[in-house]
């Protein structure tokens, strides 16, 4: 049984998950280098535990995959066509 709910929780406990290993390999990083980045939230590992066939990806400013998204409409915006 897993002793963690998220990749961040596992990293904070010092648990090196299969997903973390795969992301480290893809990024050509040492697992020991990636672990504290995940633990502090500087890197997120996208890997839903409910999916059986996943290809975990790391997302962060120091990795190959970077995401910067602002979704939704601000309450202050009055002109939705803008």
Protein backbone atom coordinates (compact mmCIF):
# COMPACT_ATOMS: atom_id res chain seq x y z
CA UNK A 1 0.00 0.00 0.00
CA UNK A 2 1.20 3.50 -0.85
CA UNK A 3 2.26 5.66 2.07
CA UNK A 4 1.57 8.90 0.20
CA UNK A 5 -1.22 10.55 -1.79
CA UNK A 6 0.80 12.83 -4.06
CA UNK A 7 4.25 12.95 -5.61
CA UNK A 8 5.02 16.00 -3.47
CA UNK A 9 4.06 14.16 -0.28
CA UNK A 10 6.25 11.21 -1.27
CA UNK A 11 9.19 13.52 -1.98
CA UNK A 12 8.74 15.25 1.37
CA UNK A 13 8.93 11.84 3.04
CA UNK A 14 12.05 11.01 1.04
CA UNK A 15 10.27 8.30 -0.97
CA UNK A 16 11.65 7.90 -4.49
CA UNK A 17 8.70 6.85 -6.63
CA UNK A 18 8.79 5.14 -10.02
CA UNK A 19 7.32 8.31 -11.50
CA UNK A 20 10.11 10.43 -10.02
CA UNK A 21 12.70 8.04 -11.42
CA UNK A 22 11.12 8.22 -14.90
CA UNK A 23 11.00 12.03 -14.87
CA UNK A 24 14.62 12.22 -13.69
CA UNK A 25 15.65 9.90 -16.52
CA UNK A 26 13.75 11.96 -19.13
CA UNK A 27 15.31 15.18 -17.83
CA UNK A 28 18.80 13.69 -17.60
CA UNK A 29 18.89 14.59 -13.91
CA UNK A 30 19.95 12.68 -10.84
CA UNK A 31 17.04 11.48 -8.70
CA UNK A 32 18.73 13.15 -5.72
CA UNK A 33 18.65 16.47 -7.59
CA UNK A 34 14.97 16.18 -8.56
CA UNK A 35 13.65 14.98 -5.18
CA UNK A 36 14.04 18.29 -3.31
CA UNK A 37 12.58 20.24 -6.24
CA UNK A 38 9.41 18.12 -6.08
CA UNK A 39 9.32 18.32 -2.27
CA UNK A 40 9.41 22.13 -2.32
CA UNK A 41 6.89 22.47 -5.16
CA UNK A 42 9.36 23.88 -7.69
CA UNK A 43 8.65 20.86 -9.90
CA UNK A 44 5.31 19.09 -10.27
CA UNK A 45 5.06 15.52 -11.52
CA UNK A 46 1.86 14.96 -13.47
CA UNK A 47 0.92 11.37 -12.65
CA UNK A 48 -2.65 10.55 -11.62
CA UNK A 49 -2.54 7.54 -9.27
CA UNK A 50 -5.92 6.35 -10.59
CA UNK A 51 -4.66 5.90 -14.14
CA UNK A 52 -3.16 2.52 -14.96
CA UNK A 53 -1.15 3.46 -18.04
CA UNK A 54 0.57 6.78 -17.44
CA UNK A 55 3.59 8.54 -18.82
CA UNK A 56 4.64 10.84 -15.96
CA UNK A 57 5.91 14.28 -16.91
CA UNK A 58 7.77 16.80 -14.83
CA UNK A 59 6.75 20.43 -15.07
CA UNK A 60 8.91 23.26 -13.79
CA UNK A 61 11.07 26.21 -14.70
CA UNK A 62 14.25 24.14 -14.71
CA UNK A 63 12.77 21.29 -16.77
CA UNK A 64 11.96 20.83 -20.45
CA UNK A 65 8.21 21.21 -19.89
CA UNK A 66 6.98 24.60 -18.70
CA UNK A 67 3.39 25.71 -18.34
CA UNK A 68 2.13 29.20 -17.63
CA UNK A 69 -1.64 29.37 -17.83
CA UNK A 70 -4.26 31.81 -16.65
CA UNK A 71 -7.67 30.21 -17.01
CA UNK A 72 -11.01 31.86 -16.54
CA UNK A 73 -12.35 35.35 -16.65
CA UNK A 74 -11.69 37.93 -13.96
CA UNK A 75 -14.70 39.30 -12.11
CA UNK A 76 -13.30 42.74 -12.92
CA UNK A 77 -13.64 42.15 -16.67
CA UNK A 78 -16.85 43.69 -17.98
CA UNK A 79 -16.27 43.21 -21.72
CA UNK A 80 -16.16 39.44 -22.37
CA UNK A 81 -15.53 39.94 -26.10
CA UNK A 82 -12.28 41.69 -25.26
